[in-house]
Protein backbone atom coordinates (compact mmCIF):
# COMPACT_ATOMS: atom_id res chain seq x y z
CA UNK A 1 131.35 100.79 111.73
CA UNK A 2 129.79 104.22 112.01
CA UNK A 3 127.41 105.87 109.54
CA UNK A 4 128.82 109.21 108.42
CA UNK A 5 126.34 109.92 105.64
CA UNK A 6 124.30 108.52 102.79
CA UNK A 7 125.79 108.16 99.33
CA UNK A 8 122.65 109.58 97.73
CA UNK A 9 123.17 112.84 99.61
CA UNK A 10 126.55 113.32 97.98
CA UNK A 11 126.44 111.82 94.48
CA UNK A 12 123.87 112.01 91.70
CA UNK A 13 124.35 108.42 90.51
CA UNK A 14 123.64 105.02 91.94
CA UNK A 15 126.46 103.33 93.77
CA UNK A 16 126.81 99.93 95.30
CA UNK A 17 129.29 97.53 96.74
CA UNK A 18 129.68 93.79 97.03
CA UNK A 19 131.66 92.20 99.80
CA UNK A 20 132.70 88.62 100.34
CA UNK A 21 134.51 86.90 103.17
CA UNK A 22 138.03 85.70 102.40
CA UNK A 23 137.06 82.14 103.28
CA UNK A 24 134.08 82.23 100.89
CA UNK A 25 136.20 83.73 98.10
CA UNK A 26 138.83 81.04 98.59
CA UNK A 27 136.55 78.05 99.10
CA UNK A 28 133.63 78.93 96.84
CA UNK A 29 135.36 80.67 93.95
CA UNK A 30 132.94 79.30 91.34
CA UNK A 31 129.92 80.60 93.28
CA UNK A 32 131.45 84.05 93.65
CA UNK A 33 132.29 84.14 89.93
CA UNK A 34 128.76 83.14 88.95
CA UNK A 35 127.32 85.78 91.26
CA UNK A 36 129.51 88.52 89.79
CA UNK A 37 128.61 87.48 86.23
CA UNK A 38 124.91 87.58 87.14
CA UNK A 39 125.28 91.07 88.63
CA UNK A 40 127.06 92.25 85.46
CA UNK A 41 124.30 90.78 83.27
CA UNK A 42 121.65 92.46 85.39
CA UNK A 43 123.42 95.78 85.01
CA UNK A 44 123.60 95.35 81.22
CA UNK A 45 119.88 94.52 81.12
CA UNK A 46 119.06 97.57 83.27
CA UNK A 47 121.13 99.91 81.09
CA UNK A 48 119.57 98.52 77.90
CA UNK A 49 116.09 99.01 79.36
CA UNK A 50 116.44 102.45 80.94
CA UNK A 51 119.50 104.35 79.69
CA UNK A 52 119.74 105.96 76.25
CA UNK A 53 122.87 106.00 74.09
CA UNK A 54 123.68 109.48 75.41
CA UNK A 55 123.69 108.20 79.00
CA UNK A 56 120.44 109.94 79.88
CA UNK A 57 117.35 108.15 81.17
CA UNK A 58 115.21 106.73 78.37
CA UNK A 59 112.90 103.75 78.19
CA UNK A 60 114.26 101.16 75.79
CA UNK A 61 112.41 98.34 74.07
CA UNK A 62 112.84 96.01 77.04
CA UNK A 63 111.74 98.52 79.70
CA UNK A 64 108.21 97.12 80.17
CA UNK A 65 109.39 93.54 80.66
CA UNK A 66 112.18 94.59 83.04
CA UNK A 67 109.70 96.64 85.10
CA UNK A 68 107.36 93.64 85.23
CA UNK A 69 110.18 91.35 86.36
CA UNK A 70 111.31 93.78 89.07
CA UNK A 71 107.70 94.19 90.25
CA UNK A 72 107.32 90.43 90.55
CA UNK A 73 110.35 90.05 92.81
CA UNK A 74 109.84 93.11 94.99
CA UNK A 75 106.11 92.53 95.44
CA UNK A 76 104.99 95.93 94.19
CA UNK A 77 102.74 96.97 91.32
CA UNK A 78 104.59 97.69 88.06
CA UNK A 79 103.32 101.28 88.13
CA UNK A 80 105.00 101.80 91.51
CA UNK A 81 108.24 100.24 90.33
CA UNK A 82 108.28 102.47 87.25
CA UNK A 83 108.14 105.53 89.51
CA UNK A 84 111.24 104.34 91.35
CA UNK A 85 113.42 103.70 88.30
CA UNK A 86 116.29 106.18 88.35
């Protein structure tokens, strides 16, 4: 694999990818399904907390608790996390 650029240099939105080995997908289907459902729930929680109905950034009612939760798991102060929310 060769790096040809960074996504953030080309697009104005966040992008991500999830990969799984064929063997894992075949032999641990339930685990993969649970993981994908958890990722989808996390995305819904993020959107509810930080994206307004018009698709523009806006702090929702759950924004403070989501920032606190993120801060806990990344080991940074909530104020620092808030600055990094896109």
